[in-house]
Amino acid sequence: MDYFNDPELNGKYLGTITKDFATASDTIKEASYQIRKREISQYPVFVFARQAVQLGSLLINADEQELQWHVFASYLEILAQQGIVDPEKIEDFTGTWKNPDEFCCLLVVDEEFTNFVYIPYPED
């Protein structure tokens, strides 16, 4: 799996993801902080999916917020246990990790597409 921004993602999804992310970013940023503060993981990952997925805890229900994407809170270690991140690639993943106070690591899950992308939090 590629841990970098993917051109396919940019063309097909980035508009709706960016729009939903802007709406949800405060909630996501706080969840990221809590995951790290409580020492659950230093690598919080937020799953953007159009349907319910078994990848973390539902953080934001799209239907209740008038969004296109549901947001689930997860983290690297659990995604490795679930086989989303190859356990042999964890070092690659952490090597490309961006500052979680400035960037959100998203895992975008759609029917024919799954990829990680980093999106900067909006400036306050």
N, C-alpha and C. Protein backbone atom coordinates (compact mmCIF):
# COMPACT_ATOMS: atom_id res chain seq x y z
N MET A 1 0.84 -1.19 0.00
CA MET A 1 0.00 0.00 0.00
C MET A 1 0.88 1.25 0.00
N ASP A 2 0.48 2.23 -0.72
CA ASP A 2 1.24 3.46 -0.87
C ASP A 2 0.81 4.47 0.20
N TYR A 3 1.76 5.08 0.87
CA TYR A 3 1.44 6.00 1.96
C TYR A 3 1.56 7.46 1.55
N PHE A 4 1.47 7.72 0.28
CA PHE A 4 1.63 9.08 -0.19
C PHE A 4 0.38 9.53 -0.93
N ASN A 5 0.25 10.81 -1.12
CA ASN A 5 -0.92 11.32 -1.83
C ASN A 5 -0.94 10.74 -3.24
N ASP A 6 -2.08 10.20 -3.59
CA ASP A 6 -2.23 9.46 -4.84
C ASP A 6 -2.99 10.32 -5.84
N PRO A 7 -2.55 10.39 -7.11
CA PRO A 7 -3.25 11.21 -8.10
C PRO A 7 -4.71 10.79 -8.28
N GLU A 8 -4.99 9.49 -8.19
CA GLU A 8 -6.37 9.02 -8.33
C GLU A 8 -7.24 9.60 -7.22
N LEU A 9 -6.68 9.63 -6.02
CA LEU A 9 -7.40 10.20 -4.88
C LEU A 9 -7.67 11.67 -5.15
N ASN A 10 -6.64 12.37 -5.61
CA ASN A 10 -6.79 13.81 -5.83
C ASN A 10 -7.92 14.11 -6.81
N GLY A 11 -7.95 13.38 -7.91
CA GLY A 11 -8.96 13.66 -8.92
C GLY A 11 -10.37 13.27 -8.51
N LYS A 12 -10.52 12.09 -7.98
CA LYS A 12 -11.86 11.54 -7.77
C LYS A 12 -12.48 11.95 -6.44
N TYR A 13 -11.67 12.10 -5.41
CA TYR A 13 -12.21 12.23 -4.07
C TYR A 13 -11.87 13.52 -3.33
N LEU A 14 -10.77 14.16 -3.73
CA LEU A 14 -10.24 15.21 -2.88
C LEU A 14 -11.24 16.33 -2.59
N GLY A 15 -12.06 16.67 -3.56
CA GLY A 15 -13.03 17.75 -3.34
C GLY A 15 -13.99 17.44 -2.21
N THR A 16 -14.63 16.28 -2.25
CA THR A 16 -15.60 15.95 -1.21
C THR A 16 -14.92 15.68 0.12
N ILE A 17 -13.74 15.07 0.07
CA ILE A 17 -13.01 14.81 1.32
C ILE A 17 -12.60 16.13 1.96
N THR A 18 -12.06 17.04 1.16
CA THR A 18 -11.62 18.32 1.69
C THR A 18 -12.79 19.08 2.31
N LYS A 19 -13.93 19.06 1.64
CA LYS A 19 -15.12 19.75 2.15
C LYS A 19 -15.56 19.15 3.49
N ASP A 20 -15.68 17.83 3.55
CA ASP A 20 -16.08 17.17 4.79
C ASP A 20 -15.03 17.35 5.88
N PHE A 21 -13.76 17.29 5.49
CA PHE A 21 -12.68 17.45 6.46
C PHE A 21 -12.72 18.84 7.08
N ALA A 22 -13.00 19.85 6.28
CA ALA A 22 -13.08 21.22 6.81
C ALA A 22 -14.17 21.31 7.87
N THR A 23 -15.29 20.64 7.63
CA THR A 23 -16.40 20.66 8.59
C THR A 23 -16.05 19.89 9.85
N ALA A 24 -15.34 18.77 9.69
CA ALA A 24 -15.09 17.86 10.81
C ALA A 24 -13.73 18.04 11.47
N SER A 25 -12.91 18.94 10.97
CA SER A 25 -11.50 18.98 11.40
C SER A 25 -11.33 19.25 12.89
N ASP A 26 -12.15 20.08 13.49
CA ASP A 26 -11.99 20.36 14.92
C ASP A 26 -12.22 19.09 15.74
N THR A 27 -13.24 18.34 15.39
CA THR A 27 -13.55 17.09 16.09
C THR A 27 -12.43 16.08 15.88
N ILE A 28 -11.95 15.99 14.65
CA ILE A 28 -10.87 15.04 14.33
C ILE A 28 -9.59 15.43 15.07
N LYS A 29 -9.26 16.71 15.06
CA LYS A 29 -8.03 17.16 15.71
C LYS A 29 -8.07 16.86 17.21
N GLU A 30 -9.22 17.09 17.84
CA GLU A 30 -9.36 16.80 19.27
C GLU A 30 -9.24 15.29 19.52
N ALA A 31 -9.84 14.48 18.67
CA ALA A 31 -9.75 13.02 18.82
C ALA A 31 -8.29 12.57 18.67
N SER A 32 -7.58 13.15 17.71
CA SER A 32 -6.17 12.83 17.51
C SER A 32 -5.37 13.14 18.77
N TYR A 33 -5.63 14.30 19.33
CA TYR A 33 -4.95 14.72 20.56
C TYR A 33 -5.24 13.73 21.70
N GLN A 34 -6.50 13.35 21.85
CA GLN A 34 -6.88 12.44 22.94
C GLN A 34 -6.25 11.05 22.76
N ILE A 35 -6.21 10.55 21.53
CA ILE A 35 -5.60 9.24 21.27
C ILE A 35 -4.14 9.26 21.70
N ARG A 36 -3.46 10.36 21.41
CA ARG A 36 -2.03 10.48 21.76
C ARG A 36 -1.86 10.76 23.25
N LYS A 37 -2.67 11.66 23.80
CA LYS A 37 -2.55 12.02 25.22
C LYS A 37 -2.81 10.81 26.12
N ARG A 38 -3.78 10.00 25.76
CA ARG A 38 -4.12 8.81 26.57
C ARG A 38 -3.19 7.64 26.28
N GLU A 39 -2.20 7.88 25.42
CA GLU A 39 -1.19 6.88 25.07
C GLU A 39 -1.80 5.61 24.47
N ILE A 40 -2.91 5.79 23.74
CA ILE A 40 -3.49 4.68 22.98
C ILE A 40 -2.57 4.38 21.81
N SER A 41 -2.13 5.46 21.14
CA SER A 41 -1.20 5.34 20.02
C SER A 41 -0.62 6.71 19.71
N GLN A 42 0.59 6.72 19.20
CA GLN A 42 1.18 7.96 18.70
C GLN A 42 0.86 8.16 17.21
N TYR A 43 0.08 7.22 16.64
CA TYR A 43 -0.22 7.25 15.21
C TYR A 43 -1.71 7.16 14.96
N PRO A 44 -2.46 8.22 15.32
CA PRO A 44 -3.90 8.19 15.04
C PRO A 44 -4.17 8.27 13.54
N VAL A 45 -5.14 7.49 13.10
CA VAL A 45 -5.54 7.47 11.70
C VAL A 45 -7.05 7.60 11.66
N PHE A 46 -7.55 8.44 10.78
CA PHE A 46 -9.00 8.66 10.67
C PHE A 46 -9.48 8.10 9.34
N VAL A 47 -10.43 7.20 9.45
CA VAL A 47 -10.94 6.49 8.28
C VAL A 47 -12.12 7.28 7.72
N PHE A 48 -12.04 7.65 6.45
CA PHE A 48 -13.14 8.29 5.74
C PHE A 48 -13.76 7.21 4.86
N ALA A 49 -15.03 6.90 5.09
CA ALA A 49 -15.71 5.86 4.33
C ALA A 49 -17.15 6.27 4.06
N ARG A 50 -17.67 5.88 2.92
CA ARG A 50 -19.06 6.21 2.58
C ARG A 50 -20.04 5.27 3.27
N GLN A 51 -19.58 4.06 3.58
CA GLN A 51 -20.42 3.10 4.31
C GLN A 51 -19.73 2.78 5.63
N ALA A 52 -20.50 2.17 6.53
CA ALA A 52 -19.92 1.73 7.80
C ALA A 52 -18.83 0.70 7.53
N VAL A 53 -17.72 0.82 8.22
CA VAL A 53 -16.61 -0.12 8.10
C VAL A 53 -16.17 -0.54 9.50
N GLN A 54 -15.55 -1.68 9.59
CA GLN A 54 -15.07 -2.18 10.88
C GLN A 54 -13.61 -1.76 11.08
N LEU A 55 -13.36 -0.48 10.96
CA LEU A 55 -11.99 0.04 11.08
C LEU A 55 -11.97 1.18 12.08
N GLY A 56 -12.15 0.87 13.33
CA GLY A 56 -12.12 1.91 14.34
C GLY A 56 -13.50 2.23 14.86
N SER A 57 -13.58 3.30 15.63
CA SER A 57 -14.84 3.72 16.26
C SER A 57 -15.45 4.86 15.46
N LEU A 58 -16.77 4.81 15.29
CA LEU A 58 -17.45 5.89 14.58
C LEU A 58 -17.28 7.19 15.35
N LEU A 59 -16.68 8.16 14.71
CA LEU A 59 -16.46 9.47 15.32
C LEU A 59 -17.52 10.46 14.84
N ILE A 60 -17.79 10.44 13.55
CA ILE A 60 -18.77 11.36 12.96
C ILE A 60 -19.64 10.58 11.99
N ASN A 61 -20.94 10.62 12.24
CA ASN A 61 -21.91 9.98 11.35
C ASN A 61 -22.26 10.99 10.25
N ALA A 62 -21.94 10.65 9.02
CA ALA A 62 -22.17 11.56 7.89
C ALA A 62 -23.63 11.98 7.79
N ASP A 63 -24.55 11.04 8.05
CA ASP A 63 -25.97 11.33 7.90
C ASP A 63 -26.44 12.40 8.89
N GLU A 64 -25.86 12.39 10.08
CA GLU A 64 -26.25 13.37 11.10
C GLU A 64 -25.62 14.73 10.86
N GLN A 65 -24.51 14.77 10.14
CA GLN A 65 -23.77 16.02 9.93
C GLN A 65 -23.92 16.56 8.50
N GLU A 66 -24.74 15.90 7.70
CA GLU A 66 -24.91 16.27 6.29
C GLU A 66 -23.58 16.27 5.54
N LEU A 67 -22.81 15.22 5.76
CA LEU A 67 -21.54 15.02 5.09
C LEU A 67 -21.65 13.85 4.13
N GLN A 68 -20.66 13.72 3.24
CA GLN A 68 -20.64 12.59 2.31
C GLN A 68 -19.86 11.40 2.87
N TRP A 69 -19.01 11.66 3.86
CA TRP A 69 -18.12 10.62 4.40
C TRP A 69 -18.36 10.45 5.89
N HIS A 70 -18.46 9.19 6.33
CA HIS A 70 -18.42 8.87 7.76
C HIS A 70 -16.95 8.95 8.18
N VAL A 71 -16.72 9.30 9.44
CA VAL A 71 -15.35 9.37 9.95
C VAL A 71 -15.23 8.42 11.14
N PHE A 72 -14.23 7.54 11.06
CA PHE A 72 -13.95 6.58 12.12
C PHE A 72 -12.57 6.88 12.70
N ALA A 73 -12.45 6.84 14.01
CA ALA A 73 -11.15 7.05 14.66
C ALA A 73 -10.46 5.70 14.82
N SER A 74 -9.22 5.63 14.38
CA SER A 74 -8.45 4.40 14.50
C SER A 74 -7.00 4.78 14.74
N TYR A 75 -6.12 3.79 14.65
CA TYR A 75 -4.70 4.06 14.82
C TYR A 75 -3.88 2.94 14.21
N LEU A 76 -2.62 3.24 13.99
CA LEU A 76 -1.74 2.35 13.24
C LEU A 76 -1.74 0.92 13.76
N GLU A 77 -1.58 0.74 15.06
CA GLU A 77 -1.41 -0.62 15.60
C GLU A 77 -2.62 -1.49 15.30
N ILE A 78 -3.82 -0.94 15.42
CA ILE A 78 -5.02 -1.73 15.16
C ILE A 78 -5.16 -2.01 13.67
N LEU A 79 -4.78 -1.05 12.83
CA LEU A 79 -4.85 -1.26 11.38
C LEU A 79 -3.85 -2.34 10.95
N ALA A 80 -2.72 -2.42 11.65
CA ALA A 80 -1.76 -3.49 11.36
C ALA A 80 -2.34 -4.84 11.78
N GLN A 81 -3.00 -4.88 12.94
CA GLN A 81 -3.62 -6.13 13.39
C GLN A 81 -4.69 -6.59 12.41
N GLN A 82 -5.40 -5.62 11.81
CA GLN A 82 -6.48 -5.95 10.88
C GLN A 82 -5.97 -6.23 9.46
N GLY A 83 -4.68 -6.07 9.25
CA GLY A 83 -4.11 -6.37 7.94
C GLY A 83 -4.22 -5.24 6.93
N ILE A 84 -4.66 -4.06 7.38
CA ILE A 84 -4.75 -2.91 6.47
C ILE A 84 -3.35 -2.38 6.19
N VAL A 85 -2.53 -2.33 7.23
CA VAL A 85 -1.12 -1.98 7.08
C VAL A 85 -0.33 -3.26 7.26
N ASP A 86 0.48 -3.59 6.29
CA ASP A 86 1.33 -4.77 6.36
C ASP A 86 2.27 -4.61 7.55
N PRO A 87 2.26 -5.57 8.49
CA PRO A 87 3.16 -5.47 9.65
C PRO A 87 4.62 -5.26 9.27
N GLU A 88 5.03 -5.76 8.10
CA GLU A 88 6.41 -5.56 7.66
C GLU A 88 6.65 -4.15 7.12
N LYS A 89 5.56 -3.39 6.93
CA LYS A 89 5.69 -2.03 6.38
C LYS A 89 5.47 -0.95 7.45
N ILE A 90 5.33 -1.35 8.70
CA ILE A 90 5.09 -0.37 9.77
C ILE A 90 6.21 0.66 9.83
N GLU A 91 7.44 0.21 9.67
CA GLU A 91 8.57 1.14 9.72
C GLU A 91 8.48 2.15 8.58
N ASP A 92 8.07 1.70 7.38
CA ASP A 92 7.87 2.62 6.26
C ASP A 92 6.78 3.64 6.61
N PHE A 93 5.70 3.13 7.20
CA PHE A 93 4.57 3.99 7.56
C PHE A 93 5.02 5.06 8.55
N THR A 94 5.68 4.64 9.62
CA THR A 94 6.09 5.61 10.64
C THR A 94 7.18 6.54 10.11
N GLY A 95 7.96 6.07 9.12
CA GLY A 95 8.98 6.91 8.52
C GLY A 95 8.43 8.06 7.71
N THR A 96 7.20 7.91 7.20
CA THR A 96 6.58 8.99 6.42
C THR A 96 5.58 9.79 7.25
N TRP A 97 5.48 9.46 8.53
CA TRP A 97 4.50 10.09 9.42
C TRP A 97 4.73 11.59 9.50
N LYS A 98 3.63 12.35 9.46
CA LYS A 98 3.72 13.81 9.57
C LYS A 98 3.21 14.25 10.94
N ASN A 99 3.64 15.40 11.38
CA ASN A 99 3.28 15.93 12.69
C ASN A 99 1.75 15.93 12.87
N PRO A 100 1.24 15.13 13.84
CA PRO A 100 -0.20 15.00 14.00
C PRO A 100 -0.89 16.24 14.57
N ASP A 101 -0.12 17.22 15.02
CA ASP A 101 -0.73 18.49 15.42
C ASP A 101 -1.01 19.37 14.20
N GLU A 102 -0.34 19.07 13.09
CA GLU A 102 -0.50 19.86 11.88
C GLU A 102 -1.22 19.12 10.76
N PHE A 103 -1.06 17.78 10.73
CA PHE A 103 -1.64 16.98 9.65
C PHE A 103 -2.49 15.86 10.20
N CYS A 104 -3.53 15.55 9.46
CA CYS A 104 -4.37 14.41 9.77
C CYS A 104 -4.02 13.29 8.80
N CYS A 105 -3.80 12.09 9.33
CA CYS A 105 -3.61 10.93 8.48
C CYS A 105 -4.98 10.30 8.24
N LEU A 106 -5.42 10.35 7.00
CA LEU A 106 -6.70 9.76 6.62
C LEU A 106 -6.46 8.45 5.89
N LEU A 107 -7.35 7.51 6.15
CA LEU A 107 -7.42 6.30 5.35
C LEU A 107 -8.75 6.40 4.62
N VAL A 108 -8.69 6.61 3.32
CA VAL A 108 -9.89 6.75 2.51
C VAL A 108 -10.29 5.37 2.02
N VAL A 109 -11.52 4.98 2.32
CA VAL A 109 -12.01 3.65 1.95
C VAL A 109 -13.26 3.82 1.08
N ASP A 110 -13.16 3.37 -0.17
CA ASP A 110 -14.31 3.39 -1.06
C ASP A 110 -14.36 2.02 -1.72
N GLU A 111 -15.40 1.75 -2.47
CA GLU A 111 -15.59 0.41 -3.01
C GLU A 111 -14.39 -0.12 -3.76
N GLU A 112 -13.81 0.70 -4.64
CA GLU A 112 -12.68 0.19 -5.42
C GLU A 112 -11.37 0.87 -5.06
N PHE A 113 -11.33 1.53 -3.93
CA PHE A 113 -10.18 2.37 -3.65
C PHE A 113 -9.93 2.45 -2.15
N THR A 114 -8.69 2.20 -1.75
CA THR A 114 -8.29 2.37 -0.35
C THR A 114 -6.90 2.97 -0.35
N ASN A 115 -6.73 4.10 0.34
CA ASN A 115 -5.40 4.70 0.38
C ASN A 115 -5.28 5.66 1.55
N PHE A 116 -4.05 5.88 1.96
CA PHE A 116 -3.74 6.85 3.01
C PHE A 116 -3.42 8.20 2.36
N VAL A 117 -3.78 9.26 3.05
CA VAL A 117 -3.47 10.60 2.58
C VAL A 117 -3.31 11.49 3.81
N TYR A 118 -2.41 12.45 3.73
CA TYR A 118 -2.26 13.43 4.80
C TYR A 118 -2.91 14.73 4.36
N ILE A 119 -3.71 15.28 5.24
CA ILE A 119 -4.37 16.56 4.97
C ILE A 119 -4.02 17.51 6.10
N PRO A 120 -3.55 18.72 5.77
CA PRO A 120 -3.23 19.67 6.84
C PRO A 120 -4.51 20.18 7.50
N TYR A 121 -4.44 20.35 8.81
CA TYR A 121 -5.57 20.96 9.51
C TYR A 121 -5.68 22.41 9.08
N PRO A 122 -6.90 22.94 9.01
CA PRO A 122 -7.06 24.36 8.67
C PRO A 122 -6.39 25.23 9.73
N GLU A 123 -5.87 26.35 9.30
CA GLU A 123 -5.28 27.29 10.24
C GLU A 123 -6.38 27.87 11.11
N ASP A 124 -6.09 28.05 12.40
CA ASP A 124 -7.10 28.61 13.32
C ASP A 124 -7.40 30.05 12.96
